[in-house]
Amino acid sequence: MASRFDYLEGRRFCVVFVKVLDPERERVQLQCFRGRASVERGRVSVVDVNGGMFALPGTAVDNILPSDGSHILRDAEYFCLVKTDESIELVSSMN
């Protein structure tokens, strides 16, 4: 059975994790997870070059958008914003 997300299969994808640091001052921290989209049984996951995988939460799949060319998205064809819990520590990467 076809999924409404089949068009994403194999496409370059960027998951942008958003952690709200200060809502009043609109300060956020961003962390990207880049890879290729994989669609199985209607669920969307992103697999990076090292085999790491992140399954998009159901609350985020309606926010999948085509890349707007922003620098942070690099060569991604599609992206999605995922809000993280304030207790989760985002780490910087060299990539």
N, C-alpha and C. Protein backbone atom coordinates (compact mmCIF):
# COMPACT_ATOMS: atom_id res chain seq x y z
N MET A 1 0.83 -1.18 0.00
CA MET A 1 0.00 0.00 0.00
C MET A 1 0.88 1.25 0.00
N ALA A 2 0.53 2.19 -0.83
CA ALA A 2 1.32 3.42 -0.95
C ALA A 2 1.14 4.31 0.28
N SER A 3 2.22 4.97 0.63
CA SER A 3 2.21 5.90 1.76
C SER A 3 2.23 7.32 1.22
N ARG A 4 1.68 8.25 1.96
CA ARG A 4 1.71 9.64 1.53
C ARG A 4 3.12 10.21 1.58
N PHE A 5 4.07 9.45 2.16
CA PHE A 5 5.45 9.91 2.28
C PHE A 5 6.40 9.22 1.29
N ASP A 6 5.88 8.41 0.38
CA ASP A 6 6.74 7.68 -0.56
C ASP A 6 7.65 8.59 -1.37
N TYR A 7 7.22 9.81 -1.63
CA TYR A 7 8.04 10.75 -2.40
C TYR A 7 9.36 11.09 -1.71
N LEU A 8 9.44 10.84 -0.40
CA LEU A 8 10.65 11.16 0.36
C LEU A 8 11.73 10.09 0.28
N GLU A 9 11.36 8.90 -0.10
CA GLU A 9 12.29 7.76 -0.08
C GLU A 9 13.60 8.10 -0.80
N GLY A 10 14.71 8.00 -0.07
CA GLY A 10 16.04 8.23 -0.63
C GLY A 10 16.43 9.69 -0.80
N ARG A 11 15.55 10.59 -0.48
CA ARG A 11 15.85 12.02 -0.65
C ARG A 11 16.75 12.51 0.49
N ARG A 12 17.58 13.52 0.18
CA ARG A 12 18.42 14.14 1.21
C ARG A 12 17.52 14.90 2.18
N PHE A 13 17.70 14.64 3.47
CA PHE A 13 16.78 15.15 4.48
C PHE A 13 17.55 15.70 5.67
N CYS A 14 17.05 16.78 6.24
CA CYS A 14 17.66 17.38 7.43
C CYS A 14 16.60 17.50 8.52
N VAL A 15 16.88 16.86 9.64
CA VAL A 15 16.03 17.03 10.82
C VAL A 15 16.68 18.13 11.65
N VAL A 16 15.93 19.20 11.90
CA VAL A 16 16.44 20.31 12.69
C VAL A 16 15.81 20.23 14.08
N PHE A 17 16.64 19.87 15.06
CA PHE A 17 16.17 19.80 16.44
C PHE A 17 16.19 21.22 17.00
N VAL A 18 15.11 21.61 17.63
CA VAL A 18 14.97 22.96 18.17
C VAL A 18 14.74 22.87 19.67
N LYS A 19 15.65 23.47 20.42
CA LYS A 19 15.52 23.53 21.87
C LYS A 19 15.29 24.99 22.25
N VAL A 20 14.17 25.25 22.91
CA VAL A 20 13.86 26.62 23.33
C VAL A 20 14.64 26.93 24.61
N LEU A 21 15.52 27.92 24.52
CA LEU A 21 16.35 28.32 25.66
C LEU A 21 15.68 29.40 26.49
N ASP A 22 15.06 30.36 25.81
CA ASP A 22 14.42 31.48 26.50
C ASP A 22 13.24 31.94 25.64
N PRO A 23 12.03 31.50 25.99
CA PRO A 23 10.86 31.83 25.17
C PRO A 23 10.58 33.34 25.10
N GLU A 24 10.82 34.04 26.18
CA GLU A 24 10.53 35.48 26.19
C GLU A 24 11.44 36.25 25.24
N ARG A 25 12.69 35.83 25.16
CA ARG A 25 13.65 36.50 24.27
C ARG A 25 13.78 35.79 22.93
N GLU A 26 12.97 34.74 22.75
CA GLU A 26 12.96 33.95 21.51
C GLU A 26 14.33 33.39 21.17
N ARG A 27 15.03 32.89 22.19
CA ARG A 27 16.34 32.27 21.99
C ARG A 27 16.16 30.77 21.87
N VAL A 28 16.77 30.21 20.82
CA VAL A 28 16.71 28.76 20.60
C VAL A 28 18.09 28.23 20.28
N GLN A 29 18.25 26.93 20.45
CA GLN A 29 19.47 26.23 20.04
C GLN A 29 19.05 25.23 18.97
N LEU A 30 19.82 25.15 17.90
CA LEU A 30 19.51 24.26 16.79
C LEU A 30 20.60 23.21 16.63
N GLN A 31 20.19 22.01 16.27
CA GLN A 31 21.12 20.92 15.97
C GLN A 31 20.54 20.14 14.80
N CYS A 32 21.36 19.86 13.81
CA CYS A 32 20.88 19.15 12.62
C CYS A 32 21.31 17.70 12.60
N PHE A 33 20.45 16.86 12.06
CA PHE A 33 20.75 15.47 11.78
C PHE A 33 20.45 15.30 10.29
N ARG A 34 21.50 15.02 9.52
CA ARG A 34 21.37 14.96 8.06
C ARG A 34 21.55 13.54 7.55
N GLY A 35 20.78 13.20 6.54
CA GLY A 35 20.90 11.89 5.93
C GLY A 35 19.90 11.72 4.81
N ARG A 36 19.52 10.48 4.59
CA ARG A 36 18.55 10.13 3.55
C ARG A 36 17.27 9.64 4.20
N ALA A 37 16.14 10.03 3.64
CA ALA A 37 14.85 9.60 4.17
C ALA A 37 14.61 8.14 3.81
N SER A 38 14.01 7.43 4.74
CA SER A 38 13.61 6.05 4.53
C SER A 38 12.15 5.93 4.99
N VAL A 39 11.31 5.36 4.14
CA VAL A 39 9.89 5.23 4.46
C VAL A 39 9.54 3.75 4.54
N GLU A 40 9.09 3.33 5.71
CA GLU A 40 8.67 1.94 5.91
C GLU A 40 7.35 1.92 6.66
N ARG A 41 6.38 1.25 6.12
CA ARG A 41 5.05 1.13 6.72
C ARG A 41 4.47 2.50 7.11
N GLY A 42 4.70 3.49 6.24
CA GLY A 42 4.14 4.81 6.46
C GLY A 42 4.88 5.67 7.47
N ARG A 43 5.98 5.16 8.01
CA ARG A 43 6.78 5.92 8.98
C ARG A 43 8.03 6.44 8.30
N VAL A 44 8.41 7.66 8.63
CA VAL A 44 9.58 8.29 8.03
C VAL A 44 10.73 8.28 9.02
N SER A 45 11.88 7.78 8.56
CA SER A 45 13.11 7.81 9.33
C SER A 45 14.18 8.49 8.48
N VAL A 46 15.21 8.97 9.14
CA VAL A 46 16.36 9.55 8.44
C VAL A 46 17.58 8.74 8.85
N VAL A 47 18.34 8.29 7.85
CA VAL A 47 19.52 7.47 8.08
C VAL A 47 20.74 8.26 7.63
N ASP A 48 21.72 8.42 8.55
CA ASP A 48 22.93 9.19 8.18
C ASP A 48 23.97 8.28 7.54
N VAL A 49 25.09 8.87 7.12
CA VAL A 49 26.12 8.13 6.40
C VAL A 49 26.78 7.04 7.25
N ASN A 50 26.68 7.16 8.57
CA ASN A 50 27.27 6.15 9.46
C ASN A 50 26.27 5.08 9.88
N GLY A 51 25.07 5.14 9.35
CA GLY A 51 24.04 4.16 9.69
C GLY A 51 23.18 4.56 10.87
N GLY A 52 23.46 5.72 11.47
CA GLY A 52 22.60 6.21 12.56
C GLY A 52 21.22 6.52 12.02
N MET A 53 20.21 6.29 12.83
CA MET A 53 18.84 6.48 12.37
C MET A 53 18.02 7.28 13.37
N PHE A 54 17.16 8.14 12.86
CA PHE A 54 16.22 8.88 13.69
C PHE A 54 14.85 8.77 13.04
N ALA A 55 13.88 8.25 13.79
CA ALA A 55 12.50 8.15 13.31
C ALA A 55 11.77 9.44 13.66
N LEU A 56 11.18 10.06 12.66
CA LEU A 56 10.45 11.29 12.92
C LEU A 56 9.23 10.99 13.79
N PRO A 57 9.02 11.77 14.84
CA PRO A 57 7.84 11.56 15.67
C PRO A 57 6.58 11.93 14.89
N GLY A 58 5.48 11.29 15.24
CA GLY A 58 4.22 11.55 14.56
C GLY A 58 3.80 13.00 14.61
N THR A 59 4.21 13.70 15.65
CA THR A 59 3.85 15.12 15.79
C THR A 59 4.61 16.01 14.81
N ALA A 60 5.65 15.48 14.18
CA ALA A 60 6.48 16.31 13.31
C ALA A 60 6.24 16.05 11.82
N VAL A 61 5.66 14.92 11.46
CA VAL A 61 5.58 14.57 10.03
C VAL A 61 4.72 15.53 9.22
N ASP A 62 3.77 16.19 9.84
CA ASP A 62 2.96 17.16 9.09
C ASP A 62 3.71 18.44 8.81
N ASN A 63 4.92 18.57 9.37
CA ASN A 63 5.74 19.77 9.18
C ASN A 63 6.90 19.53 8.22
N ILE A 64 6.88 18.44 7.47
CA ILE A 64 7.93 18.19 6.47
C ILE A 64 7.74 19.17 5.32
N LEU A 65 8.83 19.87 5.00
CA LEU A 65 8.78 20.89 3.96
C LEU A 65 9.95 20.75 3.00
N PRO A 66 9.79 21.25 1.77
CA PRO A 66 10.93 21.29 0.85
C PRO A 66 11.94 22.31 1.36
N SER A 67 13.19 22.07 1.09
CA SER A 67 14.26 22.98 1.51
C SER A 67 14.00 24.38 0.96
N ASP A 68 14.26 25.38 1.80
CA ASP A 68 14.13 26.77 1.36
C ASP A 68 15.49 27.38 1.01
N GLY A 69 16.52 26.53 0.99
CA GLY A 69 17.86 27.00 0.64
C GLY A 69 18.64 27.60 1.78
N SER A 70 18.10 27.54 2.99
CA SER A 70 18.82 28.09 4.15
C SER A 70 20.16 27.40 4.32
N HIS A 71 21.15 28.15 4.74
CA HIS A 71 22.50 27.64 4.93
C HIS A 71 22.53 26.42 5.86
N ILE A 72 21.76 26.46 6.92
CA ILE A 72 21.77 25.38 7.91
C ILE A 72 21.33 24.03 7.30
N LEU A 73 20.52 24.07 6.25
CA LEU A 73 20.01 22.83 5.64
C LEU A 73 21.00 22.20 4.66
N ARG A 74 22.03 22.95 4.31
CA ARG A 74 23.04 22.49 3.35
C ARG A 74 22.37 21.98 2.08
N ASP A 75 22.64 20.72 1.70
CA ASP A 75 22.12 20.21 0.42
C ASP A 75 20.83 19.40 0.58
N ALA A 76 20.18 19.51 1.73
CA ALA A 76 18.94 18.76 1.96
C ALA A 76 17.87 19.17 0.96
N GLU A 77 17.10 18.18 0.51
CA GLU A 77 15.97 18.47 -0.36
C GLU A 77 14.70 18.75 0.45
N TYR A 78 14.65 18.15 1.64
CA TYR A 78 13.51 18.33 2.54
C TYR A 78 14.03 18.50 3.96
N PHE A 79 13.19 19.10 4.82
CA PHE A 79 13.57 19.24 6.22
C PHE A 79 12.33 19.20 7.09
N CYS A 80 12.58 19.06 8.39
CA CYS A 80 11.51 19.04 9.37
C CYS A 80 12.06 19.60 10.68
N LEU A 81 11.28 20.41 11.36
CA LEU A 81 11.65 20.92 12.67
C LEU A 81 11.09 19.99 13.73
N VAL A 82 11.92 19.63 14.70
CA VAL A 82 11.49 18.77 15.81
C VAL A 82 11.86 19.49 17.11
N LYS A 83 10.85 19.84 17.88
CA LYS A 83 11.09 20.51 19.15
C LYS A 83 11.55 19.47 20.17
N THR A 84 12.63 19.79 20.88
CA THR A 84 13.15 18.88 21.90
C THR A 84 12.73 19.34 23.28
N ASP A 85 12.75 18.41 24.20
CA ASP A 85 12.47 18.71 25.59
C ASP A 85 13.61 19.55 26.15
N GLU A 86 13.29 20.41 27.10
CA GLU A 86 14.33 21.29 27.66
C GLU A 86 15.42 20.52 28.41
N SER A 87 15.13 19.28 28.81
CA SER A 87 16.13 18.50 29.54
C SER A 87 17.15 17.81 28.62
N ILE A 88 16.91 17.83 27.33
CA ILE A 88 17.83 17.18 26.39
C ILE A 88 18.96 18.13 26.03
N GLU A 89 20.18 17.62 26.14
CA GLU A 89 21.36 18.42 25.79
C GLU A 89 21.69 18.20 24.32
N LEU A 90 21.76 19.27 23.56
CA LEU A 90 22.19 19.20 22.18
C LEU A 90 23.69 19.38 22.14
N VAL A 91 24.36 18.61 21.31
CA VAL A 91 25.82 18.70 21.23
C VAL A 91 26.23 19.26 19.89
N SER A 92 27.34 19.96 19.89
CA SER A 92 27.88 20.50 18.65
C SER A 92 28.66 19.42 17.93
N SER A 93 28.62 19.48 16.61
CA SER A 93 29.41 18.53 15.83
C SER A 93 30.35 19.32 14.93
N MET A 94 31.34 18.65 14.42
CA MET A 94 32.31 19.30 13.54
C MET A 94 31.81 19.38 12.10
N ASN A 95 30.69 18.71 11.80
CA ASN A 95 30.18 18.68 10.41
C ASN A 95 29.31 19.87 10.13
